């Protein structure tokens, strides 16, 4: 027996062919509620965890001798003071959106040590 020929199902063949899963328009359900389709939603806000106080982060931002650490502290400071989309923080700090995601993710997971640990590549001055 074919599934669509079953009398207990109320799905027509036409409704199966006209359904579009890539359509980004909102779907209005009964009762007037608007639901979003997969892949569409509100922008995600980038927030930093409160491992350090705002004054401590600002102090490290101003007094760290390494430029790459100051840039990371600037990203964290912006996420603490004014949480917003990663794209906006990246534009303000002069870095890529991926860099903002990476710095905030590492800081939220590992705290201060993640910011001050150098990357794995490059040569070292010993």
N, C-alpha and C. Protein backbone atom coordinates (compact mmCIF):
# COMPACT_ATOMS: atom_id res chain seq x y z
N UNK A 1 0.84 -1.17 0.00
CA UNK A 1 0.00 0.00 0.00
C UNK A 1 0.89 1.24 0.00
N UNK A 2 0.59 2.20 -0.82
CA UNK A 2 1.36 3.43 -0.93
C UNK A 2 0.99 4.36 0.22
N UNK A 3 1.96 5.06 0.75
CA UNK A 3 1.73 5.92 1.92
C UNK A 3 0.71 7.01 1.62
N UNK A 4 0.81 7.62 0.44
CA UNK A 4 -0.08 8.73 0.13
C UNK A 4 -1.51 8.29 -0.17
N UNK A 5 -1.70 7.02 -0.46
CA UNK A 5 -3.06 6.57 -0.73
C UNK A 5 -3.78 6.14 0.54
N UNK A 6 -3.12 6.21 1.67
CA UNK A 6 -3.74 5.84 2.93
C UNK A 6 -4.80 6.89 3.30
N UNK A 7 -6.01 6.47 3.64
CA UNK A 7 -7.06 7.42 3.97
C UNK A 7 -6.82 8.12 5.31
N UNK A 8 -5.94 7.56 6.18
CA UNK A 8 -5.75 8.16 7.49
C UNK A 8 -4.82 9.38 7.44
N UNK A 9 -4.04 9.54 6.38
CA UNK A 9 -3.16 10.68 6.26
C UNK A 9 -3.85 11.80 5.50
N UNK A 10 -3.69 13.03 5.98
CA UNK A 10 -4.33 14.16 5.33
C UNK A 10 -3.32 14.99 4.55
N UNK A 11 -2.34 14.36 3.97
CA UNK A 11 -1.32 15.06 3.19
C UNK A 11 -1.58 14.78 1.72
N UNK A 12 -1.71 15.83 0.96
CA UNK A 12 -1.91 15.63 -0.47
C UNK A 12 -0.57 15.61 -1.18
N UNK A 13 -0.56 15.06 -2.37
CA UNK A 13 0.67 15.01 -3.16
C UNK A 13 1.13 16.42 -3.52
N UNK A 14 0.19 17.28 -3.79
CA UNK A 14 0.54 18.65 -4.17
C UNK A 14 1.25 19.38 -3.03
N UNK A 15 0.80 19.17 -1.79
CA UNK A 15 1.43 19.87 -0.67
C UNK A 15 2.86 19.39 -0.44
N UNK A 16 3.14 18.13 -0.79
CA UNK A 16 4.50 17.64 -0.66
C UNK A 16 5.42 18.28 -1.69
N UNK A 17 4.93 18.52 -2.88
CA UNK A 17 5.76 19.09 -3.94
C UNK A 17 5.90 20.60 -3.83
N UNK A 18 5.00 21.26 -3.17
CA UNK A 18 5.09 22.72 -3.09
C UNK A 18 5.82 23.17 -1.84
N UNK A 19 6.10 22.27 -0.92
CA UNK A 19 6.82 22.66 0.30
C UNK A 19 8.27 22.96 -0.06
N UNK A 20 8.74 24.07 0.39
CA UNK A 20 10.12 24.47 0.13
C UNK A 20 10.83 24.65 1.44
N UNK A 21 11.90 23.90 1.64
CA UNK A 21 12.63 23.97 2.89
C UNK A 21 13.70 25.05 2.87
N UNK A 22 13.99 25.62 1.72
CA UNK A 22 14.99 26.68 1.63
C UNK A 22 14.35 28.05 1.61
N UNK A 23 13.05 28.11 1.66
CA UNK A 23 12.34 29.38 1.66
C UNK A 23 12.60 30.08 2.99
N UNK A 24 13.01 31.34 2.96
CA UNK A 24 13.39 32.04 4.19
C UNK A 24 12.26 32.92 4.72
N UNK A 25 11.10 32.85 4.11
CA UNK A 25 9.99 33.66 4.60
C UNK A 25 9.42 33.05 5.87
N UNK A 26 8.89 33.89 6.77
CA UNK A 26 8.27 33.34 7.97
C UNK A 26 7.00 32.57 7.62
N UNK A 27 6.71 31.58 8.42
CA UNK A 27 5.52 30.76 8.24
C UNK A 27 4.48 31.22 9.25
N UNK A 28 3.30 31.57 8.78
CA UNK A 28 2.23 32.01 9.67
C UNK A 28 1.35 30.80 9.98
N UNK A 29 1.33 30.45 11.25
CA UNK A 29 0.57 29.29 11.68
C UNK A 29 -0.81 29.75 12.15
N UNK A 30 -1.65 28.78 12.48
CA UNK A 30 -2.98 29.11 12.97
C UNK A 30 -2.86 29.91 14.25
N UNK A 31 -3.67 30.92 14.40
CA UNK A 31 -3.62 31.78 15.57
C UNK A 31 -2.78 33.02 15.34
N UNK A 32 -2.15 33.14 14.16
CA UNK A 32 -1.38 34.33 13.84
C UNK A 32 0.05 34.32 14.32
N UNK A 33 0.53 33.24 14.92
CA UNK A 33 1.92 33.19 15.38
C UNK A 33 2.85 33.04 14.18
N UNK A 34 3.95 33.76 14.23
CA UNK A 34 4.94 33.69 13.16
C UNK A 34 6.11 32.88 13.67
N UNK A 35 6.45 31.82 12.97
CA UNK A 35 7.62 31.03 13.34
C UNK A 35 8.66 31.15 12.24
N UNK A 36 9.90 31.06 12.62
CA UNK A 36 11.01 31.19 11.66
C UNK A 36 11.40 29.83 11.14
N UNK A 37 11.83 29.81 9.89
CA UNK A 37 12.32 28.58 9.30
C UNK A 37 13.75 28.34 9.75
N UNK A 38 14.24 27.13 9.54
CA UNK A 38 15.60 26.78 9.93
C UNK A 38 16.60 27.67 9.21
N UNK A 39 17.62 28.15 9.93
CA UNK A 39 18.64 28.99 9.32
C UNK A 39 18.34 30.47 9.43
N UNK A 40 17.14 30.81 9.83
CA UNK A 40 16.79 32.22 9.94
C UNK A 40 16.43 32.51 11.39
N UNK A 41 16.92 33.57 11.91
CA UNK A 41 16.60 33.92 13.27
C UNK A 41 17.25 35.22 13.64
N UNK A 42 17.21 35.52 14.89
CA UNK A 42 17.81 36.75 15.36
C UNK A 42 19.32 36.61 15.39
N UNK A 43 20.02 37.73 15.28
CA UNK A 43 21.48 37.71 15.32
C UNK A 43 21.93 37.31 16.72
N UNK A 44 23.03 36.59 16.77
CA UNK A 44 23.55 36.15 18.06
C UNK A 44 24.42 37.23 18.65
N UNK A 45 24.27 37.47 19.91
CA UNK A 45 25.01 38.49 20.62
C UNK A 45 26.26 37.86 21.22
N UNK A 46 27.41 38.50 21.02
CA UNK A 46 28.68 38.00 21.54
C UNK A 46 28.90 38.59 22.92
N UNK A 47 28.98 37.71 23.91
CA UNK A 47 29.20 38.13 25.29
C UNK A 47 30.43 37.44 25.84
N UNK A 48 31.16 38.13 26.72
CA UNK A 48 32.32 37.55 27.38
C UNK A 48 31.96 37.21 28.82
N UNK A 49 32.52 36.12 29.31
CA UNK A 49 32.28 35.73 30.70
C UNK A 49 33.02 36.69 31.63
N UNK A 50 32.53 36.81 32.83
CA UNK A 50 33.09 37.76 33.79
C UNK A 50 34.19 37.09 34.63
N UNK A 51 35.26 36.62 33.98
CA UNK A 51 36.39 36.05 34.72
C UNK A 51 37.11 37.15 35.50
N UNK A 52 37.20 38.33 34.91
CA UNK A 52 37.83 39.48 35.55
C UNK A 52 36.84 40.63 35.58
N UNK A 53 37.09 41.57 36.49
CA UNK A 53 36.24 42.76 36.53
C UNK A 53 36.54 43.65 35.33
N UNK A 54 35.64 44.56 35.06
CA UNK A 54 35.81 45.47 33.92
C UNK A 54 37.05 46.33 34.10
N UNK A 55 37.33 46.77 35.32
CA UNK A 55 38.51 47.60 35.58
C UNK A 55 39.80 46.81 35.35
N UNK A 56 39.81 45.53 35.73
CA UNK A 56 40.98 44.68 35.53
C UNK A 56 41.24 44.46 34.04
N UNK A 57 40.20 44.23 33.27
CA UNK A 57 40.36 44.05 31.82
C UNK A 57 40.88 45.35 31.20
N UNK A 58 40.34 46.48 31.62
CA UNK A 58 40.78 47.77 31.09
C UNK A 58 42.25 48.03 31.44
N UNK A 59 42.66 47.68 32.64
CA UNK A 59 44.04 47.84 33.05
C UNK A 59 44.98 46.98 32.21
N UNK A 60 44.60 45.74 31.97
CA UNK A 60 45.42 44.86 31.15
C UNK A 60 45.47 45.36 29.70
N UNK A 61 44.37 45.91 29.23
CA UNK A 61 44.32 46.47 27.88
C UNK A 61 45.30 47.63 27.74
N UNK A 62 45.41 48.46 28.76
CA UNK A 62 46.26 49.64 28.69
C UNK A 62 47.73 49.36 28.99
N UNK A 63 48.04 48.35 29.80
CA UNK A 63 49.41 48.18 30.30
C UNK A 63 50.13 46.95 29.79
N UNK A 64 49.50 46.10 29.00
CA UNK A 64 50.18 44.91 28.50
C UNK A 64 51.20 45.32 27.44
N UNK A 65 52.47 44.86 27.56
CA UNK A 65 53.50 45.28 26.61
C UNK A 65 53.38 44.62 25.23
N UNK A 66 52.65 43.54 25.12
CA UNK A 66 52.53 42.81 23.85
C UNK A 66 51.31 43.29 23.07
N UNK A 67 51.53 43.68 21.82
CA UNK A 67 50.45 44.24 20.99
C UNK A 67 49.35 43.21 20.73
N UNK A 68 49.72 41.96 20.50
CA UNK A 68 48.71 40.95 20.20
C UNK A 68 47.84 40.67 21.43
N UNK A 69 48.39 40.81 22.63
CA UNK A 69 47.58 40.64 23.85
C UNK A 69 46.63 41.83 24.02
N UNK A 70 47.14 43.04 23.73
CA UNK A 70 46.28 44.22 23.84
C UNK A 70 45.09 44.13 22.90
N UNK A 71 45.32 43.58 21.69
CA UNK A 71 44.22 43.42 20.74
C UNK A 71 43.18 42.43 21.27
N UNK A 72 43.64 41.36 21.88
CA UNK A 72 42.71 40.38 22.47
C UNK A 72 41.93 41.00 23.63
N UNK A 73 42.63 41.77 24.48
CA UNK A 73 41.94 42.42 25.59
C UNK A 73 40.93 43.44 25.10
N UNK A 74 41.23 44.10 23.98
CA UNK A 74 40.28 45.06 23.40
C UNK A 74 39.00 44.36 22.94
N UNK A 75 39.14 43.19 22.35
CA UNK A 75 37.98 42.41 21.92
C UNK A 75 37.13 42.02 23.14
N UNK A 76 37.80 41.54 24.18
CA UNK A 76 37.09 41.12 25.39
C UNK A 76 36.43 42.32 26.07
N UNK A 77 37.14 43.44 26.11
CA UNK A 77 36.59 44.65 26.73
C UNK A 77 35.33 45.09 26.00
N UNK A 78 35.36 45.08 24.67
CA UNK A 78 34.18 45.46 23.90
C UNK A 78 33.01 44.51 24.15
N UNK A 79 33.30 43.21 24.26
CA UNK A 79 32.24 42.24 24.51
C UNK A 79 31.66 42.39 25.91
N UNK A 80 32.47 42.86 26.87
CA UNK A 80 31.97 43.07 28.23
C UNK A 80 31.16 44.35 28.35
N UNK A 81 31.68 45.43 27.76
CA UNK A 81 31.04 46.74 27.90
C UNK A 81 29.74 46.82 27.10
N UNK A 82 29.82 46.39 25.84
CA UNK A 82 28.67 46.52 24.94
C UNK A 82 28.50 45.24 24.13
N UNK A 83 27.85 44.20 24.70
CA UNK A 83 27.66 42.95 23.96
C UNK A 83 26.83 43.20 22.69
N UNK A 84 27.35 42.78 21.56
CA UNK A 84 26.66 42.94 20.28
C UNK A 84 27.16 41.87 19.33
N UNK A 85 26.76 41.94 18.06
CA UNK A 85 27.16 40.93 17.09
C UNK A 85 28.67 40.94 16.92
N UNK A 86 29.22 39.77 16.65
CA UNK A 86 30.68 39.63 16.47
C UNK A 86 31.17 40.48 15.30
N UNK A 87 30.34 40.63 14.29
CA UNK A 87 30.72 41.43 13.13
C UNK A 87 30.95 42.89 13.51
N UNK A 88 30.12 43.42 14.39
CA UNK A 88 30.27 44.81 14.83
C UNK A 88 31.50 44.99 15.73
N UNK A 89 31.76 44.03 16.61
CA UNK A 89 32.96 44.09 17.45
C UNK A 89 34.20 44.00 16.58
N UNK A 90 34.17 43.14 15.56
CA UNK A 90 35.31 43.00 14.66
C UNK A 90 35.59 44.29 13.91
N UNK A 91 34.55 44.94 13.46
CA UNK A 91 34.72 46.20 12.73
C UNK A 91 35.31 47.27 13.65
N UNK A 92 34.86 47.31 14.88
CA UNK A 92 35.34 48.30 15.84
C UNK A 92 36.80 48.06 16.22
N UNK A 93 37.21 46.79 16.33
CA UNK A 93 38.56 46.44 16.78
C UNK A 93 39.55 46.28 15.63
N UNK A 94 39.08 46.21 14.40
CA UNK A 94 39.98 46.05 13.26
C UNK A 94 40.47 44.63 13.07
N UNK A 95 39.63 43.65 13.40
CA UNK A 95 39.98 42.24 13.22
C UNK A 95 38.85 41.55 12.46
N UNK A 96 39.05 40.29 12.15
CA UNK A 96 38.01 39.55 11.44
C UNK A 96 36.96 39.04 12.43
N UNK A 97 35.82 38.67 11.89
CA UNK A 97 34.74 38.12 12.70
C UNK A 97 35.17 36.79 13.32
N UNK A 98 35.93 36.01 12.57
CA UNK A 98 36.43 34.73 13.09
C UNK A 98 37.37 34.93 14.27
N UNK A 99 38.18 35.99 14.22
CA UNK A 99 39.09 36.28 15.33
C UNK A 99 38.30 36.62 16.59
N UNK A 100 37.22 37.36 16.45
CA UNK A 100 36.37 37.70 17.60
C UNK A 100 35.77 36.43 18.19
N UNK A 101 35.24 35.56 17.33
CA UNK A 101 34.67 34.31 17.81
C UNK A 101 35.71 33.48 18.55
N UNK A 102 36.91 33.41 17.99
CA UNK A 102 37.96 32.59 18.59
C UNK A 102 38.40 33.14 19.94
N UNK A 103 38.65 34.42 20.02
CA UNK A 103 39.12 35.03 21.28
C UNK A 103 38.06 34.90 22.37
N UNK A 104 36.81 35.21 22.05
CA UNK A 104 35.74 35.14 23.05
C UNK A 104 35.51 33.70 23.48
N UNK A 105 35.56 32.77 22.55
CA UNK A 105 35.37 31.37 22.89
C UNK A 105 36.46 30.88 23.84
N UNK A 106 37.72 31.18 23.51
CA UNK A 106 38.82 30.75 24.37
C UNK A 106 38.75 31.41 25.74
N UNK A 107 38.43 32.70 25.78
CA UNK A 107 38.33 33.41 27.05
C UNK A 107 37.20 32.85 27.91
N UNK A 108 36.06 32.57 27.30
CA UNK A 108 34.93 32.03 28.05
C UNK A 108 35.24 30.63 28.60
N UNK A 109 36.02 29.85 27.86
CA UNK A 109 36.32 28.48 28.27
C UNK A 109 37.47 28.40 29.27
N UNK A 110 38.56 29.16 29.00
CA UNK A 110 39.78 28.98 29.79
C UNK A 110 40.19 30.18 30.62
N UNK A 111 39.55 31.32 30.45
CA UNK A 111 39.85 32.48 31.26
C UNK A 111 41.06 33.26 30.79
N UNK A 112 41.78 33.85 31.74
CA UNK A 112 42.89 34.75 31.45
C UNK A 112 44.04 34.03 30.75
N UNK A 113 44.30 32.79 31.10
CA UNK A 113 45.43 32.07 30.51
C UNK A 113 45.27 31.89 29.00
N UNK A 114 44.04 31.83 28.52
CA UNK A 114 43.81 31.69 27.08
C UNK A 114 44.20 32.95 26.33
N UNK A 115 44.05 34.09 26.97
CA UNK A 115 44.38 35.36 26.31
C UNK A 115 45.89 35.56 26.26
N UNK A 116 46.59 35.18 27.31
CA UNK A 116 48.01 35.46 27.40
C UNK A 116 48.89 34.35 26.87
N UNK A 117 48.33 33.25 26.42
CA UNK A 117 49.11 32.16 25.84
C UNK A 117 49.32 32.43 24.37
N UNK A 118 50.58 32.38 23.95
CA UNK A 118 50.90 32.61 22.55
C UNK A 118 50.42 31.45 21.70
N UNK A 119 50.25 31.68 20.42
CA UNK A 119 49.82 30.63 19.51
C UNK A 119 50.91 29.59 19.30
N UNK A 120 50.61 28.57 18.52
CA UNK A 120 51.55 27.47 18.35
C UNK A 120 52.56 27.71 17.23
N UNK A 121 52.33 28.68 16.36
CA UNK A 121 53.21 28.86 15.22
C UNK A 121 54.23 29.97 15.41
N UNK A 122 55.08 30.13 14.42
CA UNK A 122 56.05 31.22 14.44
C UNK A 122 57.32 30.90 15.21
N UNK A 123 58.31 31.75 15.05
CA UNK A 123 59.57 31.55 15.76
C UNK A 123 59.52 32.27 17.10
N UNK A 124 60.31 31.80 18.03
CA UNK A 124 60.33 32.37 19.37
C UNK A 124 61.68 33.06 19.62
N UNK A 125 61.62 34.19 20.26
CA UNK A 125 62.83 34.87 20.72
C UNK A 125 63.10 34.39 22.13
N UNK A 126 64.17 33.62 22.30
CA UNK A 126 64.45 33.04 23.61
C UNK A 126 65.46 33.86 24.36
